[in-house]
Every structure is written in structure tokens, then in C-alpha cells.
Amino acid sequence: MTTKASTPHRPSTLTVKGRDLRLRTIGFVALAALAIWFIAANTGSVTVTLWVPDVTLPLWGVLTVTLAVGLVLGVFLARRRARR
């Protein structure tokens, strides 16, 4: 029975113009571009209920704040998971 020598895990990469890019980075850039396009395409006004007051805001502002809160929470959870 032969055993395979253990090699360190390397992230998946793709070579673009001579540079190695991680597939995770390419996916993140693609999702960020789609999010920015989606935010830019939605420019109407919406009414948001914040427990008591009703606030009328542009939809792109609401989407931008939602994206920013999601990114902050994602970074927080990723760092917390990495400490374990």
C-alpha cells in the first residue's frame, strides 16, 4: 500500500496576464461588480419603516447601506472564525 506524501494545501489560482489570481478573488470582484451595477440600476425612491418613523430614501442609498452592513458583518464573522 502506498501513501501519498502530504503537501500543503494551496488555493486554486488562475493565471491572467502572467499573474496568479485566486479564484476566490475573481469571484469576489465579479460579485462586487454585479452589486454595484444592481445598486446603480435602482434609482427610485422607497419608503422604509424604522420601527416608528417612515423615511423616504433613494433605493440606491438603502442598497448601499445594506451592502456595507453585510460586508462588515461578514468580515467580523470571518475573523472570529479564523481565531478558533
Protein backbone atom coordinates (compact mmCIF):
# COMPACT_ATOMS: atom_id res chain seq x y z
CA MET A 1 0.00 0.00 0.00
CA THR A 2 1.47 3.34 -0.99
CA THR A 3 0.72 6.53 0.82
CA LYS A 4 0.68 9.90 -0.76
CA ALA A 5 3.09 12.41 0.73
CA SER A 6 1.14 15.19 2.33
CA THR A 7 1.61 18.51 0.61
CA PRO A 8 0.38 21.82 1.93
CA HIS A 9 -2.98 22.91 0.59
CA ARG A 10 -2.70 25.68 -1.98
CA PRO A 11 -5.69 27.79 -3.02
CA SER A 12 -7.00 27.41 -6.56
CA THR A 13 -5.48 30.00 -8.88
CA LEU A 14 -5.87 31.21 -12.43
CA THR A 15 -3.11 32.94 -14.39
CA VAL A 16 -4.17 36.21 -16.03
CA LYS A 17 -1.56 38.26 -17.90
CA GLY A 18 1.24 36.48 -16.10
CA ARG A 19 -0.19 36.97 -12.61
CA ASP A 20 -1.68 34.24 -10.46
CA LEU A 21 -5.12 35.23 -9.20
CA ARG A 22 -7.06 33.22 -6.64
CA LEU A 23 -10.44 32.06 -7.85
CA ARG A 24 -11.94 33.47 -4.65
CA THR A 25 -10.64 36.93 -5.61
CA ILE A 26 -12.08 36.66 -9.12
CA GLY A 27 -15.45 35.62 -7.69
CA PHE A 28 -15.41 38.48 -5.18
CA VAL A 29 -14.65 41.03 -7.91
CA ALA A 30 -17.44 39.62 -10.10
CA LEU A 31 -19.96 39.76 -7.24
CA ALA A 32 -18.87 43.28 -6.31
CA ALA A 33 -19.34 44.40 -9.93
CA LEU A 34 -22.82 42.86 -10.02
CA ALA A 35 -23.74 44.52 -6.71
CA ILE A 36 -22.55 47.93 -7.93
CA TRP A 37 -24.45 47.50 -11.20
CA PHE A 38 -27.61 46.47 -9.31
CA ILE A 39 -27.33 49.47 -6.98
CA ALA A 40 -26.75 51.87 -9.88
CA ALA A 41 -29.74 50.47 -11.80
CA ASN A 42 -32.18 51.07 -8.91
CA THR A 43 -32.51 54.83 -8.50
CA GLY A 44 -36.14 55.24 -7.46
CA SER A 45 -37.31 56.35 -4.03
CA VAL A 46 -38.67 53.96 -1.40
CA THR A 47 -40.29 54.37 2.00
CA VAL A 48 -38.51 52.49 4.78
CA THR A 49 -40.16 51.92 8.15
CA LEU A 50 -37.67 52.20 11.01
CA TRP A 51 -39.70 50.87 13.96
CA VAL A 52 -41.52 54.19 14.45
CA PRO A 53 -40.68 56.75 11.72
CA ASP A 54 -41.27 56.26 7.99
CA VAL A 55 -38.32 57.56 5.97
CA THR A 56 -38.30 58.13 2.21
CA LEU A 57 -34.87 57.48 0.72
CA PRO A 58 -33.40 56.70 -2.69
CA LEU A 59 -33.26 52.94 -3.21
CA TRP A 60 -29.56 53.08 -4.14
CA GLY A 61 -28.83 54.51 -0.68
CA VAL A 62 -30.74 51.75 1.08
CA LEU A 63 -28.97 49.09 -1.01
CA THR A 64 -25.56 50.66 -0.37
CA VAL A 65 -26.11 50.72 3.40
CA THR A 66 -27.36 47.12 3.31
CA LEU A 67 -24.28 46.05 1.33
CA ALA A 68 -21.92 47.87 3.71
CA VAL A 69 -23.55 46.32 6.81
CA GLY A 70 -23.35 42.88 5.18
CA LEU A 71 -19.66 43.34 4.37
CA VAL A 72 -18.84 44.50 7.90
CA LEU A 73 -20.69 41.54 9.43
CA GLY A 74 -19.00 39.14 7.00
CA VAL A 75 -15.53 40.42 7.88
CA PHE A 76 -16.34 40.28 11.60
CA LEU A 77 -17.57 36.68 11.38
CA ALA A 78 -14.66 35.60 9.18
CA ARG A 79 -12.11 36.99 11.65
CA ARG A 80 -13.95 35.41 14.56
CA ARG A 81 -13.97 32.04 12.80
CA ALA A 82 -10.26 32.35 11.94
CA ARG A 83 -9.37 32.78 15.63
CA ARG A 84 -10.86 29.40 16.55
